[in-house]
Amino acid sequence: MVEFIDNLVASFNNLFSGVLNTLVIVLIILLLGFVAGRLVGRLVGRLLREFEVDAILHRAGIKFPVESSLAALLSYLIYFIAVVMALGQLGLTTFVLYIIVGGAVVLILIATALGIKDFIPNLIAGFFIFRKGLFTEGQTILFKQIEGKVRRISIIETEIETKNGDLIYVPNSLLVKSTLLVRRKK
């Protein structure tokens, strides 16, 4: 009887030591993941602030907080990866989780690609317009039978006021790709 109890206690010790080891490993993974996510988020945020990304985009007419948003996105991505690794360590079925995550990533990539397909060319054209000084605010331009005074140039679009007082917003990529007549100030 004593031997049976000793075997039973030894079995419980082996069982709980395995579970305890697994739980300790899971907690370490989560702790390291959350610490790494926070550090990477802060590092990326500081790096983007150093390059003054928000200030540059704000001057260009874009009022979206890219610095904090990108830093938070990277932090949450690292947190998510840590949780997935912890669930994998626990032996939970991660195949379904991977399929869901893969589908979500594909949807996010497609949505991002569709969202920026026009943004990137306009952004590059806006930098080109600013860099080359093709025209400035106050100048009169002729663009595809539209003549007007340039009221505002942003990094994405240019605002033109016609002689009738109408405002036309032209994407910068169209201005760079087309024939453009710039009337110099007298």
Protein backbone atom coordinates (compact mmCIF):
# COMPACT_ATOMS: atom_id res chain seq x y z
CA MET A 1 0.00 0.00 0.00
CA VAL A 2 2.85 2.38 0.85
CA GLU A 3 4.49 1.55 -2.46
CA PHE A 4 1.24 2.33 -4.30
CA ILE A 5 0.98 5.72 -2.60
CA ASP A 6 4.64 6.46 -3.38
CA ASN A 7 4.04 5.59 -7.05
CA LEU A 8 0.91 7.74 -7.09
CA VAL A 9 2.77 10.71 -5.55
CA ALA A 10 5.64 10.24 -8.03
CA SER A 11 3.16 10.16 -10.93
CA PHE A 12 1.51 13.38 -9.72
CA ASN A 13 4.92 15.02 -9.31
CA ASN A 14 5.92 14.04 -12.87
CA LEU A 15 2.58 15.22 -14.23
CA PHE A 16 2.63 18.55 -12.40
CA SER A 17 6.31 19.19 -13.11
CA GLY A 18 5.63 18.77 -16.86
CA VAL A 19 2.61 21.07 -16.71
CA LEU A 20 4.46 23.51 -14.50
CA ASN A 21 7.44 23.56 -16.89
CA THR A 22 5.10 24.20 -19.81
CA LEU A 23 3.34 27.02 -17.97
CA VAL A 24 6.66 28.61 -17.03
CA ILE A 25 7.81 28.44 -20.66
CA VAL A 26 4.49 29.96 -21.82
CA LEU A 27 4.81 32.79 -19.30
CA ILE A 28 8.40 33.45 -20.38
CA ILE A 29 7.34 33.54 -24.04
CA LEU A 30 4.53 35.98 -23.25
CA LEU A 31 6.74 38.16 -21.08
CA LEU A 32 9.52 38.32 -23.66
CA GLY A 33 7.00 38.93 -26.45
CA PHE A 34 5.31 41.80 -24.65
CA VAL A 35 8.63 43.36 -23.64
CA ALA A 36 9.98 43.01 -27.19
CA GLY A 37 6.78 44.45 -28.65
CA ARG A 38 6.92 47.45 -26.39
CA LEU A 39 10.63 48.05 -27.08
CA VAL A 40 10.24 47.72 -30.84
CA GLY A 41 7.21 50.03 -30.78
CA ARG A 42 9.09 52.69 -28.86
CA LEU A 43 12.20 52.32 -31.04
CA VAL A 44 10.23 52.64 -34.27
CA GLY A 45 8.28 55.59 -32.84
CA ARG A 46 11.49 57.39 -31.88
CA LEU A 47 13.08 56.62 -35.23
CA LEU A 48 10.09 58.00 -37.13
CA ARG A 49 9.98 61.06 -34.87
CA GLU A 50 13.69 61.59 -35.54
CA PHE A 51 12.93 61.70 -39.27
CA GLU A 52 9.94 63.97 -38.51
CA VAL A 53 7.61 61.89 -40.68
CA ASP A 54 4.42 63.38 -39.20
CA ALA A 55 5.73 66.94 -39.61
CA ILE A 56 6.65 66.32 -43.24
CA LEU A 57 3.29 64.76 -44.00
CA HIS A 58 1.46 67.52 -42.09
CA ARG A 59 3.17 70.17 -44.24
CA ALA A 60 2.06 68.18 -47.27
CA GLY A 61 -1.56 68.28 -46.13
CA ILE A 62 -1.76 64.78 -44.62
CA LYS A 63 -2.92 64.89 -41.01
CA PHE A 64 -2.65 61.19 -40.17
CA PRO A 65 -0.37 60.28 -37.22
CA VAL A 66 1.90 57.84 -39.05
CA GLU A 67 4.59 57.75 -36.36
CA SER A 68 2.39 56.53 -33.51
CA SER A 69 0.19 54.36 -35.75
CA LEU A 70 3.09 52.43 -37.27
CA ALA A 71 4.77 52.01 -33.88
CA ALA A 72 1.54 50.66 -32.36
CA LEU A 73 0.95 48.35 -35.32
CA LEU A 74 4.39 46.79 -34.96
CA SER A 75 3.94 46.41 -31.20
CA TYR A 76 0.60 44.64 -31.64
CA LEU A 77 2.04 42.41 -34.32
CA ILE A 78 4.80 41.28 -31.96
CA TYR A 79 2.24 40.77 -29.16
CA PHE A 80 0.15 38.63 -31.48
CA ILE A 81 3.15 36.53 -32.50
CA ALA A 82 4.01 35.97 -28.82
CA VAL A 83 0.46 34.82 -28.06
CA VAL A 84 0.51 32.42 -31.02
CA MET A 85 3.86 31.00 -29.87
CA ALA A 86 2.51 30.59 -26.33
CA LEU A 87 -0.59 28.79 -27.62
CA GLY A 88 1.66 26.54 -29.69
CA GLN A 89 3.73 25.72 -26.62
CA LEU A 90 0.56 24.75 -24.79
CA GLY A 91 -0.17 22.31 -27.57
CA LEU A 92 -3.40 23.94 -28.64
CA THR A 93 -4.30 23.40 -32.25
CA THR A 94 -2.70 26.30 -34.04
CA PHE A 95 -3.46 25.15 -37.56
CA VAL A 96 -6.87 26.84 -37.52
CA LEU A 97 -5.32 29.92 -35.96
CA TYR A 98 -2.69 30.05 -38.70
CA ILE A 99 -5.37 29.79 -41.38
CA ILE A 100 -7.34 32.65 -39.80
CA VAL A 101 -4.22 34.77 -39.42
CA GLY A 102 -3.11 33.99 -42.97
CA GLY A 103 -6.52 35.00 -44.31
CA ALA A 104 -6.50 38.20 -42.27
CA VAL A 105 -2.99 39.08 -43.45
CA VAL A 106 -3.98 38.49 -47.08
CA LEU A 107 -7.08 40.68 -46.64
CA ILE A 108 -5.03 43.42 -44.99
CA LEU A 109 -2.43 43.29 -47.77
CA ILE A 110 -5.10 43.45 -50.48
CA ALA A 111 -6.87 46.35 -48.75
CA THR A 112 -3.57 48.18 -48.27
CA ALA A 113 -2.55 47.63 -51.89
CA LEU A 114 -5.89 48.90 -53.15
CA GLY A 115 -5.77 51.83 -50.76
CA ILE A 116 -2.31 53.02 -51.77
CA LYS A 117 -2.31 52.16 -55.46
CA ASP A 118 -3.03 55.81 -56.31
CA PHE A 119 -1.43 57.30 -53.21
CA ILE A 120 2.16 56.21 -53.95
CA PRO A 121 2.37 57.65 -57.51
CA ASN A 122 0.80 60.92 -56.30
CA LEU A 123 3.21 61.04 -53.37
CA ILE A 124 6.23 60.53 -55.63
CA ALA A 125 4.91 63.11 -58.10
CA GLY A 126 4.33 65.56 -55.22
CA PHE A 127 7.93 65.17 -54.08
CA PHE A 128 9.02 65.65 -57.72
CA ILE A 129 6.97 68.86 -58.02
CA PHE A 130 8.42 70.23 -54.78
CA ARG A 131 11.96 69.13 -55.59
CA LYS A 132 12.05 70.44 -59.17
CA GLY A 133 9.91 73.49 -58.45
CA LEU A 134 7.82 72.86 -61.57
CA PHE A 135 5.36 75.52 -60.48
CA THR A 136 4.56 77.42 -57.31
CA GLU A 137 1.45 78.70 -55.61
CA GLY A 138 0.12 81.79 -57.34
CA GLN A 139 1.30 80.83 -60.83
CA THR A 140 -1.14 80.27 -63.66
CA ILE A 141 -0.97 76.89 -65.39
CA LEU A 142 -2.69 75.31 -68.37
CA PHE A 143 -3.44 71.62 -67.94
CA LYS A 144 -5.63 69.65 -70.39
CA GLN A 145 -7.58 72.71 -71.56
CA ILE A 146 -7.99 73.85 -67.95
CA GLU A 147 -6.37 77.14 -67.13
CA GLY A 148 -6.22 78.43 -63.62
CA LYS A 149 -4.20 79.80 -60.78
CA VAL A 150 -2.45 77.38 -58.44
CA ARG A 151 -3.92 77.99 -55.00
CA ARG A 152 -2.33 75.17 -53.03
CA ILE A 153 0.17 72.40 -53.68
CA SER A 154 0.11 69.42 -51.37
CA ILE A 155 2.11 66.24 -51.56
CA ILE A 156 -0.87 64.39 -53.09
CA GLU A 157 -2.82 66.93 -55.12
CA THR A 158 -2.76 70.47 -56.45
CA GLU A 159 -5.66 72.87 -56.06
CA ILE A 160 -6.32 75.07 -59.12
CA GLU A 161 -8.77 77.98 -59.25
CA THR A 162 -10.20 78.70 -62.69
CA LYS A 163 -11.17 82.14 -64.01
CA ASN A 164 -14.79 81.32 -63.12
CA GLY A 165 -13.80 80.76 -59.48
CA ASP A 166 -14.18 76.98 -59.65
CA LEU A 167 -11.74 74.90 -57.63
CA ILE A 168 -10.22 71.86 -59.32
CA TYR A 169 -8.21 69.29 -57.38
CA VAL A 170 -5.76 67.54 -59.67
CA PRO A 171 -3.74 64.50 -58.54
CA ASN A 172 -0.03 65.30 -58.78
CA SER A 173 0.69 62.20 -60.85
CA LEU A 174 -1.54 63.58 -63.63
CA LEU A 175 0.28 66.90 -63.58
CA VAL A 176 3.70 65.25 -63.86
CA LYS A 177 2.64 62.84 -66.63
CA SER A 178 0.86 65.45 -68.80
CA THR A 179 1.92 68.37 -70.87
CA LEU A 180 1.78 71.38 -68.62
CA LEU A 181 2.08 75.05 -69.52
CA VAL A 182 3.28 77.20 -66.64
CA ARG A 183 2.83 80.91 -67.09
CA ARG A 184 5.59 82.74 -65.24
CA LYS A 185 4.66 85.63 -62.96
CA LYS A 186 5.23 89.02 -64.51
